Amino acid sequence: MLLLGIDIGTSSVKVSVVAAGSGEVVASAQFPDVESPIISLQPGWAEQSPDMWWEQTQQAMQRCHAKGGYDAADIKAIGIAYQMHGLVLVDAQQQVLRNSIIWCDSRAVPYGDAAFDAIGTDRSLSHLLNSPGNFTAAKLAWVKENEPELYQKIDKVMLPGDYIAMKLTGEITTSVSALSEGVFYDFLEDDLSQDVLNFFGFDAELIPQVKPVFSDHGRVQTDVAAQLGLTAGIPVAYKAGDQPNNALSLGVMEPGEVAATAGTSGVIYGVSDQLSFDTQSRVNTFAHVNYKQQGDKRLGVLLCINGTGSLNRWAKNLLGTQLSYQQMNELAEQAPEGSAGLRVLPFGNGAERMLGNKLVGVHMHHIDLNLHQSSHVFRAVQEGIACAFRYGLDIMRSNGMTPTVIRAGKANLFLSRLFAQTFVNATGVPVELYNNDGSVGAALGAGLGAGLFASPQEAFRGIRRLEVIEPQPGHNFEKVYQEWKILLEKQLEAEAAIEAV
C-alpha cells in the first residue's frame, strides 16, 4: 500500500511515493529543474500562476511514475503541503481569476495595519493571535479595493494547496489550520472571525467548507486519474501549509518541540498548548495540524525570514553562475569565520514580519575591494542568514519559547555543513538533522487522514536521525552576531527616517 505526497514550493513542486508499511520512500521527483519564476510587476509585489503549480504537479508526478519500482494502482491516498499565505481566487466554474498573490508579496501591509487599528490591538491579538498584517485576508482586501470587477466574480477564496486539491478532486475545502494562517479565524470563538469579515466587508460564502486537516478533502476525478496514472476515487486525505507540514514530517507535534527549515524562506516553528501571541506580532501563532484533534490545543508559533534560500540563489546567480550549490558551500568554507568583516543583512524578499512588516532590503556592509572575494560573499550570506535566525529566535525566547534542540530536514541550506554549524553557533541550540522532507511528510499525513495509521507515532516510525550538530567549543560567532545586530538596528533607524521624509 502506497501514499503519495505533493509539496507545492515557491521554487518547484516535489512529489514522493512512500510505502505505508515501512515508511520507505519508494520514489521522488521534482519539477522544474530550474527555480520557478516569481512575477514582480511592482517593487514588493510577488505573484505566481496557480496553473503553473498544477502543470508542475503533473510533471513531477509523471516523473515519479517513470522511475518505476512501484505500481501507481497501489497508491491509496494523497497528501498536499503548500507554500503558506498565498491567495488563490476562482469563479463558480472553478476558473482562476488572477495570479496568486503569494506569501512574500508586500502590497497588503497597509490593509492589515488598518484592520489591526480598527479591530483594536488587544482584541486582534487575543482573538486572532496575530495582526492581520500581510496575510491572506489582507491580500483579499487589496483585490476588493483595487480590482472590484474581478472581486465580484469570486466564488471561493483558497490557499495554494486547496487549489491543487480542487484540480484533483473538483471539490473545494479548507481547514482551521488554513483559515488561521490566512488570519480569518477567531480562536476564542472557535469560528470564522466576524471582526475580520465585517471590517473588510467579506461575505462568509467566499470561505470553502471547513474540514479537519486529516480528513477526506475529496476524491480524485476519473478523467484526472486517467491522465495521471492514478486510481479514480482515492482520497486527498491531508492538506497543510509547508511549515506545519515540515513540523509533522519531523515528528514535532507536542508542546516544546521545535522544527526549522531554510528553503526559499527560513522558519523556526515551535509547538505550544497556549493561545499565546507576540505583542508586536513579529512572530505568529497558527493552528497546528493536530489542533484540537484529541481535544487539546496545539498551536504553531512561527518565525519567518523571507530571504534565506532566495538570497543564496541571488548570490549564486550574481557570482557563481557556473558553480553548483555544493561548490559554493566549499568556496564559502575557505573564508574565515566572520567573512573578514563582511556583513550581510538578508532582507530583500518582501516585508519582514519580525521587523514590523518593513521592506528593509539586502545590505552588504564593510566591503573591502582589495580583500573580499566571492568566497567571502558566499560565507557572509550564510552567516547573515544565521544571524537573522538568531535575531528571530531571541524574539521567540522573549515570548517564552526556549528550545533545547531544533529538528530540521537535511535539505536546502541545511545541506551546507557551514550553514548548519553557523546556525548552531549563532543560536546556541543543537540541531538534529533528519531524512524526511515536505513531500514525504505530506504522504504520511495522507496515511493518517485516510485512517491507515493508528497514530502519528506509527506513521513516522521510519524517520531517521542522520546527525546532531552541537555548538563548537571556542567559536567566536557571538561577536559577529552583535556587530550584525548593530548594523541591522542602524538600518531600521535609517529606514524609519526615510519613511518620515
Protein backbone atom coordinates (compact mmCIF):
# COMPACT_ATOMS: atom_id res chain seq x y z
CA MET A 1 0.00 0.00 0.00
CA LEU A 2 1.46 3.35 -1.13
CA LEU A 3 0.92 7.00 -0.26
CA LEU A 4 1.62 10.00 -2.49
CA GLY A 5 2.78 13.36 -1.16
CA ILE A 6 2.86 16.64 -3.09
CA ASP A 7 4.84 19.66 -1.86
CA ILE A 8 3.94 22.91 -3.67
CA GLY A 9 7.00 25.07 -3.12
CA THR A 10 7.87 28.55 -4.34
CA SER A 11 10.80 27.21 -6.35
CA SER A 12 9.41 23.87 -7.54
CA VAL A 13 6.97 21.04 -6.86
CA LYS A 14 8.22 17.81 -5.34
CA VAL A 15 6.32 14.52 -5.30
CA SER A 16 7.18 11.42 -3.25
CA VAL A 17 5.66 7.94 -3.13
CA VAL A 18 6.00 6.27 0.28
CA ALA A 19 5.34 2.69 1.38
CA ALA A 20 2.77 2.88 4.17
CA GLY A 21 4.01 -0.28 5.86
CA SER A 22 7.65 0.74 6.28
CA GLY A 23 7.73 4.50 5.73
CA GLU A 24 10.30 3.88 2.99
CA VAL A 25 10.46 6.41 0.14
CA VAL A 26 9.87 4.37 -3.00
CA ALA A 27 10.44 7.24 -5.46
CA SER A 28 10.70 11.03 -5.54
CA ALA A 29 10.78 13.58 -8.34
CA GLN A 30 10.86 17.33 -8.66
CA PHE A 31 9.78 19.75 -11.38
CA PRO A 32 11.08 22.02 -12.81
CA ASP A 33 14.86 21.59 -12.79
CA VAL A 34 15.36 25.35 -12.55
CA GLU A 35 13.71 27.56 -9.96
CA SER A 36 10.20 28.75 -10.78
CA PRO A 37 9.76 32.42 -11.64
CA ILE A 38 8.15 34.93 -9.31
CA ILE A 39 6.24 37.65 -11.14
CA SER A 40 7.01 41.09 -9.68
CA LEU A 41 5.04 43.78 -11.52
CA GLN A 42 5.96 46.43 -8.95
CA PRO A 43 8.56 46.64 -6.14
CA GLY A 44 7.41 44.50 -3.23
CA TRP A 45 4.92 42.51 -5.31
CA ALA A 46 5.21 38.74 -5.78
CA GLU A 47 2.85 36.53 -7.77
CA GLN A 48 2.80 33.07 -9.29
CA SER A 49 0.36 31.32 -11.59
CA PRO A 50 -1.75 28.59 -9.97
CA ASP A 51 -1.92 26.94 -13.40
CA MET A 52 1.88 26.73 -13.29
CA TRP A 53 1.67 24.87 -9.96
CA TRP A 54 -0.82 22.40 -11.44
CA GLU A 55 1.34 21.82 -14.52
CA GLN A 56 4.41 21.30 -12.31
CA THR A 57 2.47 18.89 -10.09
CA GLN A 58 1.51 16.78 -13.11
CA GLN A 59 5.04 16.82 -14.48
CA ALA A 60 6.58 15.87 -11.12
CA MET A 61 4.06 13.05 -10.69
CA GLN A 62 4.76 11.66 -14.16
CA ARG A 63 8.50 11.82 -13.48
CA CYS A 64 7.96 9.90 -10.26
CA HIS A 65 5.91 7.22 -12.03
CA ALA A 66 8.56 6.96 -14.77
CA LYS A 67 11.19 5.96 -12.23
CA GLY A 68 9.38 2.66 -11.81
CA GLY A 69 9.69 0.44 -8.78
CA TYR A 70 6.02 0.64 -7.87
CA ASP A 71 2.54 0.20 -9.31
CA ALA A 72 0.62 3.51 -9.22
CA ALA A 73 -2.56 1.48 -8.70
CA ASP A 74 -1.26 0.76 -5.19
CA ILE A 75 -1.43 4.46 -4.22
CA LYS A 76 -4.32 4.71 -1.76
CA ALA A 77 -4.25 8.33 -0.57
CA ILE A 78 -2.75 11.72 -1.44
CA GLY A 79 -1.45 14.46 0.85
CA ILE A 80 -0.60 18.04 -0.06
CA ALA A 81 1.80 20.53 1.52
CA TYR A 82 1.98 24.04 0.14
CA GLN A 83 3.57 27.48 0.40
CA MET A 84 1.61 29.34 3.07
CA HIS A 85 -0.48 32.54 2.96
CA GLY A 86 -0.97 32.68 -0.83
CA LEU A 87 -4.28 33.97 -2.22
CA VAL A 88 -5.98 31.93 -4.96
CA LEU A 89 -9.32 33.10 -6.37
CA VAL A 90 -11.71 31.07 -8.53
CA ASP A 91 -15.14 31.72 -10.03
CA ALA A 92 -18.19 29.46 -9.90
CA GLN A 93 -16.76 27.35 -12.76
CA GLN A 94 -13.53 26.83 -10.76
CA GLN A 95 -11.58 29.02 -13.18
CA VAL A 96 -8.65 31.00 -11.78
CA LEU A 97 -9.39 34.74 -11.83
CA ARG A 98 -5.85 36.10 -11.42
CA ASN A 99 -2.33 35.12 -10.49
CA SER A 100 -1.88 34.12 -6.88
CA ILE A 101 -0.59 36.88 -4.60
CA ILE A 102 1.97 34.76 -2.73
CA TRP A 103 3.42 34.76 0.77
CA CYS A 104 6.28 37.25 0.17
CA ASP A 105 4.14 39.89 -1.55
CA SER A 106 4.07 43.13 0.47
CA ARG A 107 1.25 45.17 -1.09
CA ALA A 108 -1.35 44.29 1.55
CA VAL A 109 0.56 45.61 4.59
CA PRO A 110 -1.47 48.88 4.81
CA TYR A 111 -4.74 46.91 4.65
CA GLY A 112 -3.68 44.63 7.51
CA ASP A 113 -2.45 47.60 9.54
CA ALA A 114 -5.79 49.36 9.08
CA ALA A 115 -7.66 46.27 10.28
CA PHE A 116 -5.33 45.93 13.27
CA ASP A 117 -6.06 49.53 14.30
CA ALA A 118 -9.81 49.28 13.69
CA ILE A 119 -10.34 45.93 15.41
CA GLY A 120 -8.00 47.01 18.20
CA THR A 121 -4.61 45.71 19.23
CA ASP A 122 -5.84 43.80 22.29
CA ARG A 123 -8.83 42.24 20.55
CA SER A 124 -6.84 41.30 17.43
CA LEU A 125 -4.08 39.63 19.40
CA SER A 126 -6.35 37.83 21.87
CA HIS A 127 -8.80 36.58 19.21
CA LEU A 128 -6.67 36.24 16.05
CA LEU A 129 -3.32 35.71 17.88
CA ASN A 130 -1.82 37.95 15.17
CA SER A 131 -2.10 41.27 13.46
CA PRO A 132 -3.94 40.83 10.13
CA GLY A 133 -0.61 42.09 8.77
CA ASN A 134 0.26 40.89 5.30
CA PHE A 135 -1.67 37.63 5.41
CA THR A 136 -4.28 36.20 3.05
CA ALA A 137 -7.26 38.21 4.36
CA ALA A 138 -5.39 41.48 3.83
CA LYS A 139 -4.39 40.35 0.31
CA LEU A 140 -8.07 39.72 -0.45
CA ALA A 141 -8.87 43.24 0.83
CA TRP A 142 -6.35 44.64 -1.66
CA VAL A 143 -8.11 42.81 -4.51
CA LYS A 144 -11.51 44.04 -3.29
CA GLU A 145 -10.39 47.68 -3.42
CA ASN A 146 -8.11 47.61 -6.45
CA GLU A 147 -9.80 45.04 -8.71
CA PRO A 148 -13.51 45.43 -7.84
CA GLU A 149 -14.86 43.91 -11.06
CA LEU A 150 -12.72 40.82 -10.58
CA TYR A 151 -13.70 40.65 -6.90
CA GLN A 152 -17.37 40.42 -7.84
CA LYS A 153 -16.63 37.24 -9.83
CA ILE A 154 -15.06 35.38 -6.87
CA ASP A 155 -16.85 32.23 -5.79
CA LYS A 156 -14.23 30.85 -3.40
CA VAL A 157 -11.04 32.04 -1.75
CA MET A 158 -8.32 29.40 -1.42
CA LEU A 159 -4.76 28.78 -0.37
CA PRO A 160 -2.33 27.13 -2.83
CA GLY A 161 -2.87 23.59 -1.52
CA ASP A 162 -6.65 23.97 -1.70
CA TYR A 163 -6.30 24.79 -5.39
CA ILE A 164 -4.25 21.66 -6.19
CA ALA A 165 -6.75 19.54 -4.24
CA MET A 166 -9.55 21.16 -6.26
CA LYS A 167 -7.80 20.27 -9.53
CA LEU A 168 -7.50 16.67 -8.39
CA THR A 169 -10.99 16.25 -6.92
CA GLY A 170 -13.25 19.03 -8.17
CA GLU A 171 -14.06 19.86 -4.52
CA ILE A 172 -13.00 22.93 -2.54
CA THR A 173 -12.35 22.60 1.18
CA THR A 174 -10.30 24.31 3.85
CA SER A 175 -9.33 23.70 7.50
CA VAL A 176 -8.98 25.63 10.76
CA SER A 177 -5.20 25.49 10.31
CA ALA A 178 -5.53 27.06 6.84
CA LEU A 179 -8.01 29.70 7.98
CA SER A 180 -5.73 30.67 10.86
CA GLU A 181 -2.74 31.12 8.54
CA GLY A 182 -4.89 33.45 6.43
CA VAL A 183 -5.97 35.29 9.63
CA PHE A 184 -9.63 34.52 9.01
CA TYR A 185 -10.05 32.56 12.29
CA ASP A 186 -11.13 33.65 15.78
CA PHE A 187 -9.51 31.32 18.34
CA LEU A 188 -11.64 32.46 21.28
CA GLU A 189 -14.89 31.96 19.36
CA ASP A 190 -13.60 28.87 17.52
CA ASP A 191 -15.15 30.15 14.33
CA LEU A 192 -14.59 32.49 11.40
CA SER A 193 -13.58 35.92 12.61
CA GLN A 194 -16.56 38.22 12.36
CA ASP A 195 -14.20 41.10 13.12
CA VAL A 196 -12.17 40.40 10.00
CA LEU A 197 -15.18 39.67 7.79
CA ASN A 198 -17.03 42.79 8.94
CA PHE A 199 -14.09 45.18 8.72
CA PHE A 200 -13.11 44.13 5.21
CA GLY A 201 -16.71 43.58 4.08
CA PHE A 202 -16.19 39.93 3.09
CA ASP A 203 -19.10 37.54 2.58
CA ALA A 204 -18.61 34.32 4.60
CA GLU A 205 -19.79 32.41 1.50
CA LEU A 206 -16.36 33.08 -0.02
CA ILE A 207 -14.84 30.65 2.51
CA PRO A 208 -14.87 26.97 1.49
CA GLN A 209 -16.28 24.12 3.57
CA VAL A 210 -14.17 23.62 6.70
CA LYS A 211 -12.83 20.12 7.37
CA PRO A 212 -10.17 18.69 9.69
CA VAL A 213 -6.60 18.68 8.30
CA PHE A 214 -6.60 14.87 8.47
CA SER A 215 -9.81 14.01 6.61
CA ASP A 216 -11.37 13.32 3.22
CA HIS A 217 -10.96 16.52 1.17
CA GLY A 218 -12.40 14.95 -1.98
CA ARG A 219 -11.79 12.02 -4.31
CA VAL A 220 -9.64 12.01 -7.44
CA GLN A 221 -11.82 12.52 -10.50
CA THR A 222 -11.96 9.85 -13.22
CA ASP A 223 -10.50 11.98 -16.01
CA VAL A 224 -7.71 13.32 -13.78
CA ALA A 225 -6.89 9.80 -12.58
CA ALA A 226 -6.61 8.57 -16.16
CA GLN A 227 -4.34 11.46 -17.06
CA LEU A 228 -2.04 10.96 -14.06
CA GLY A 229 -1.99 7.17 -13.89
CA LEU A 230 -3.87 7.08 -10.58
CA THR A 231 -6.88 5.12 -9.41
CA ALA A 232 -10.10 7.13 -9.59
CA GLY A 233 -11.75 7.74 -6.24
CA ILE A 234 -8.70 7.71 -3.97
CA PRO A 235 -8.90 10.49 -1.36
CA VAL A 236 -6.94 13.65 -0.87
CA ALA A 237 -6.73 12.95 2.85
CA TYR A 238 -4.45 15.70 4.15
CA LYS A 239 -3.64 19.35 3.38
CA ALA A 240 -1.34 21.62 5.37
CA GLY A 241 0.90 24.64 4.96
CA ASP A 242 4.55 23.85 4.37
CA GLN A 243 5.74 24.82 7.86
CA PRO A 244 3.14 22.90 9.89
CA ASN A 245 3.74 20.02 7.48
CA ASN A 246 7.50 20.23 7.95
CA ALA A 247 6.96 20.03 11.69
CA LEU A 248 4.72 16.99 11.19
CA SER A 249 7.35 15.33 8.99
CA LEU A 250 9.90 15.73 11.82
CA GLY A 251 7.53 14.42 14.48
CA VAL A 252 7.13 17.89 16.02
CA MET A 253 3.61 17.58 17.41
CA GLU A 254 3.74 18.30 21.15
CA PRO A 255 4.40 21.41 23.26
CA GLY A 256 8.06 22.36 23.47
CA GLU A 257 9.10 20.57 20.27
CA VAL A 258 10.68 22.80 17.61
CA ALA A 259 11.42 22.44 13.88
CA ALA A 260 13.32 24.60 11.40
CA THR A 261 13.59 24.96 7.64
CA ALA A 262 15.84 27.03 5.40
CA GLY A 263 14.40 26.84 1.90
CA THR A 264 13.31 29.89 -0.10
CA SER A 265 12.37 31.35 3.28
CA GLY A 266 13.69 30.40 6.69
CA VAL A 267 11.45 29.33 9.56
CA ILE A 268 11.63 28.27 13.18
CA TYR A 269 8.36 26.62 14.20
CA GLY A 270 7.59 25.59 17.77
CA VAL A 271 4.51 23.81 19.14
CA SER A 272 2.61 25.28 22.10
CA ASP A 273 -0.55 24.41 24.00
CA GLN A 274 -1.28 28.06 24.85
CA LEU A 275 -3.20 30.70 22.91
CA SER A 276 -0.11 32.90 23.01
CA PHE A 277 0.93 35.84 20.87
CA ASP A 278 3.74 38.33 20.43
CA THR A 279 2.52 41.80 21.36
CA GLN A 280 4.19 43.24 18.25
CA SER A 281 3.13 40.31 16.00
CA ARG A 282 6.76 39.78 14.98
CA VAL A 283 6.29 36.03 15.31
CA ASN A 284 2.93 34.47 14.55
CA THR A 285 0.70 31.79 16.01
CA PHE A 286 -1.46 29.48 13.90
CA ALA A 287 -3.43 26.28 14.47
CA HIS A 288 -1.08 23.31 14.13
CA VAL A 289 -2.09 20.28 12.04
CA ASN A 290 -3.33 18.49 15.19
CA TYR A 291 -5.19 21.48 16.64
CA LYS A 292 -7.91 20.05 18.92
CA GLN A 293 -7.52 16.65 17.23
CA GLN A 294 -7.65 14.94 20.61
CA GLY A 295 -9.41 17.83 22.31
CA ASP A 296 -6.13 19.59 23.18
CA LYS A 297 -5.00 22.85 21.68
CA ARG A 298 -1.84 22.50 19.61
CA LEU A 299 -0.59 25.71 18.07
CA GLY A 300 2.41 26.50 15.91
CA VAL A 301 4.47 29.57 16.82
CA LEU A 302 6.19 30.62 13.62
CA LEU A 303 9.18 32.86 13.00
CA CYS A 304 9.68 33.61 9.29
CA ILE A 305 12.66 35.14 7.49
CA ASN A 306 11.66 35.77 3.87
CA GLY A 307 15.09 35.81 2.25
CA THR A 308 17.16 32.72 3.04
CA GLY A 309 17.45 30.35 0.09
CA SER A 310 16.30 33.18 -2.16
CA LEU A 311 19.34 35.24 -1.08
CA ASN A 312 21.67 32.27 -1.53
CA ARG A 313 20.24 31.79 -5.04
CA TRP A 314 20.71 35.51 -5.79
CA ALA A 315 24.38 35.31 -4.74
CA LYS A 316 24.82 32.25 -6.96
CA ASN A 317 23.22 33.96 -9.96
CA LEU A 318 25.38 37.03 -9.41
CA LEU A 319 28.77 35.50 -8.61
CA GLY A 320 28.59 31.75 -9.14
CA THR A 321 26.62 31.02 -12.29
CA GLN A 322 28.99 28.18 -13.22
CA LEU A 323 29.00 26.70 -9.72
CA SER A 324 26.79 24.12 -8.07
CA TYR A 325 25.47 24.91 -4.61
CA GLN A 326 27.90 22.34 -3.22
CA GLN A 327 30.80 24.15 -4.89
CA MET A 328 29.51 27.44 -3.47
CA ASN A 329 29.49 25.91 0.00
CA GLU A 330 33.02 24.62 -0.45
CA LEU A 331 34.19 28.09 -1.51
CA ALA A 332 32.42 29.67 1.46
CA GLU A 333 34.27 27.34 3.81
CA GLN A 334 37.57 28.77 2.53
CA ALA A 335 36.73 32.19 4.01
CA PRO A 336 37.35 32.69 7.75
CA GLU A 337 34.61 32.86 10.37
CA GLY A 338 33.19 36.35 10.22
CA SER A 339 33.99 36.62 6.47
CA ALA A 340 36.87 39.04 7.14
CA GLY A 341 34.46 41.70 8.38
CA LEU A 342 31.89 41.44 5.58
CA ARG A 343 28.33 41.56 6.94
CA VAL A 344 25.07 40.89 5.10
CA LEU A 345 21.53 41.84 6.15
CA PRO A 346 19.40 39.22 4.32
CA PHE A 347 16.06 41.02 3.98
CA GLY A 348 15.33 41.51 0.28
CA ASN A 349 12.31 39.27 -0.34
CA GLY A 350 9.32 41.30 0.77
CA ALA A 351 8.12 42.80 4.05
CA GLU A 352 9.65 41.05 7.06
CA ARG A 353 7.18 40.26 9.82
CA MET A 354 9.82 40.06 12.53
CA LEU A 355 10.95 43.60 11.57
CA GLY A 356 7.46 45.09 11.83
CA ASN A 357 6.48 44.34 8.21
CA LYS A 358 9.23 46.64 6.94
CA LEU A 359 10.75 46.40 3.46
CA VAL A 360 14.38 46.55 4.57
CA GLY A 361 16.19 45.03 1.58
CA VAL A 362 19.55 43.27 1.40
CA HIS A 363 22.56 45.29 2.56
CA MET A 364 26.26 44.43 2.44
CA HIS A 365 28.48 46.25 4.89
CA HIS A 366 32.25 46.78 5.10
CA ILE A 367 33.13 45.60 1.60
CA ASP A 368 36.88 45.78 1.09
CA LEU A 369 37.58 45.87 -2.65
CA ASN A 370 41.15 44.70 -2.13
CA LEU A 371 40.29 41.81 0.19
CA HIS A 372 36.88 40.34 -0.32
CA GLN A 373 36.38 37.63 -2.93
CA SER A 374 33.35 35.56 -3.90
CA SER A 375 34.19 33.10 -1.11
CA HIS A 376 33.76 35.89 1.47
CA VAL A 377 30.42 36.90 -0.08
CA PHE A 378 29.12 33.32 -0.09
CA ARG A 379 30.10 32.86 3.55
CA ALA A 380 28.78 36.28 4.62
CA VAL A 381 25.42 35.45 3.03
CA GLN A 382 25.10 32.23 5.05
CA GLU A 383 26.34 33.95 8.21
CA GLY A 384 23.86 36.80 7.70
CA ILE A 385 21.01 34.31 7.37
CA ALA A 386 22.15 32.54 10.55
CA CYS A 387 22.23 35.91 12.35
CA ALA A 388 18.66 36.61 11.21
CA PHE A 389 17.61 33.24 12.68
CA ARG A 390 19.28 34.17 15.97
CA TYR A 391 17.56 37.58 16.00
CA GLY A 392 14.17 35.93 15.47
CA LEU A 393 14.83 33.16 17.97
CA ASP A 394 15.58 35.79 20.61
CA ILE A 395 12.10 37.24 19.95
CA MET A 396 10.63 33.76 20.44
CA ARG A 397 12.63 33.39 23.65
CA SER A 398 11.21 36.68 24.93
CA ASN A 399 7.78 35.13 24.40
CA GLY A 400 8.60 32.04 26.48
CA MET A 401 9.79 29.55 23.84
CA THR A 402 13.24 28.27 24.79
CA PRO A 403 14.16 25.24 22.68
CA THR A 404 16.91 22.92 23.85
CA VAL A 405 17.11 21.20 20.47
CA ILE A 406 15.82 22.03 16.99
CA ARG A 407 14.92 19.40 14.37
CA ALA A 408 15.43 20.02 10.66
CA GLY A 409 15.35 18.02 7.46
CA LYS A 410 18.73 17.64 5.78
CA ALA A 411 17.74 19.72 2.77
CA ASN A 412 18.18 23.16 1.21
CA LEU A 413 20.58 25.33 3.25
CA PHE A 414 20.93 22.60 5.87
CA LEU A 415 22.80 20.64 3.20
CA SER A 416 25.61 23.15 3.79
CA ARG A 417 27.70 21.97 6.70
CA LEU A 418 28.94 25.54 7.07
CA PHE A 419 25.42 26.95 7.36
CA ALA A 420 24.23 24.24 9.74
CA GLN A 421 27.21 24.77 12.04
CA THR A 422 26.90 28.56 11.86
CA PHE A 423 23.17 28.31 12.66
CA VAL A 424 24.01 26.27 15.76
CA ASN A 425 26.86 28.58 16.81
CA ALA A 426 24.64 31.64 16.33
CA THR A 427 21.61 30.31 18.22
CA GLY A 428 23.43 28.20 20.79
CA VAL A 429 20.93 25.38 20.19
CA PRO A 430 21.91 21.92 18.86
CA VAL A 431 20.28 20.82 15.60
CA GLU A 432 19.18 17.28 14.79
CA LEU A 433 19.10 16.57 11.06
CA TYR A 434 16.59 14.03 9.71
CA ASN A 435 15.96 12.23 6.43
CA ASN A 436 12.41 13.48 5.86
CA ASP A 437 11.19 16.30 3.63
CA GLY A 438 7.89 18.05 2.95
CA SER A 439 6.62 15.70 0.27
CA VAL A 440 7.30 12.66 2.47
CA GLY A 441 5.54 14.37 5.37
CA ALA A 442 2.54 15.06 3.13
CA ALA A 443 2.41 11.41 2.05
CA LEU A 444 2.45 10.16 5.64
CA GLY A 445 -0.09 12.84 6.59
CA ALA A 446 -2.35 11.34 3.91
CA GLY A 447 -1.98 7.95 5.57
CA LEU A 448 -3.12 9.46 8.87
CA GLY A 449 -6.04 11.22 7.18
CA ALA A 450 -7.12 8.02 5.43
CA GLY A 451 -7.03 6.08 8.70
CA LEU A 452 -4.15 3.84 7.60
CA PHE A 453 -2.14 4.61 10.74
CA ALA A 454 -3.31 4.41 14.32
CA SER A 455 -1.21 7.39 15.42
CA PRO A 456 1.43 9.87 14.23
CA GLN A 457 4.00 7.77 16.09
CA GLU A 458 3.11 4.78 13.92
CA ALA A 459 3.18 6.90 10.75
CA PHE A 460 6.63 8.30 11.47
CA ARG A 461 8.30 5.23 12.90
CA GLY A 462 10.60 5.18 9.87
CA ILE A 463 12.02 8.65 10.48
CA ARG A 464 15.82 8.52 10.88
CA ARG A 465 18.02 11.00 12.67
CA LEU A 466 21.10 11.43 10.49
CA GLU A 467 23.29 13.54 12.77
CA VAL A 468 23.38 16.01 15.63
CA ILE A 469 25.30 19.28 15.31
CA GLU A 470 26.46 20.86 18.58
CA PRO A 471 27.86 24.37 19.16
CA GLN A 472 31.62 24.41 18.51
CA PRO A 473 33.78 24.96 21.58
CA GLY A 474 35.68 28.22 21.43
CA HIS A 475 33.87 29.68 18.44
CA ASN A 476 33.67 33.48 18.30
CA PHE A 477 30.39 33.92 16.49
CA GLU A 478 28.74 35.96 19.27
CA LYS A 479 30.99 38.88 18.30
CA VAL A 480 29.95 38.53 14.67
CA TYR A 481 26.28 38.47 15.68
CA GLN A 482 26.49 41.54 17.92
CA GLU A 483 28.17 43.52 15.11
CA TRP A 484 25.47 42.31 12.70
CA LYS A 485 22.71 43.30 15.13
CA ILE A 486 24.08 46.84 15.48
CA LEU A 487 24.11 47.21 11.70
CA LEU A 488 20.50 45.96 11.49
CA GLU A 489 19.31 48.37 14.17
CA LYS A 490 21.03 51.28 12.40
CA GLN A 491 19.44 50.23 9.12
CA LEU A 492 15.98 50.12 10.73
CA GLU A 493 16.54 53.63 12.09
CA ALA A 494 17.59 54.80 8.61
CA GLU A 495 14.51 53.20 7.04
CA ALA A 496 12.28 54.96 9.59
CA ALA A 497 13.95 58.30 8.83
CA ILE A 498 13.49 57.80 5.07
CA GLU A 499 9.83 56.86 5.63
CA ALA A 500 9.31 60.08 7.58
CA VAL A 501 10.60 62.28 4.74
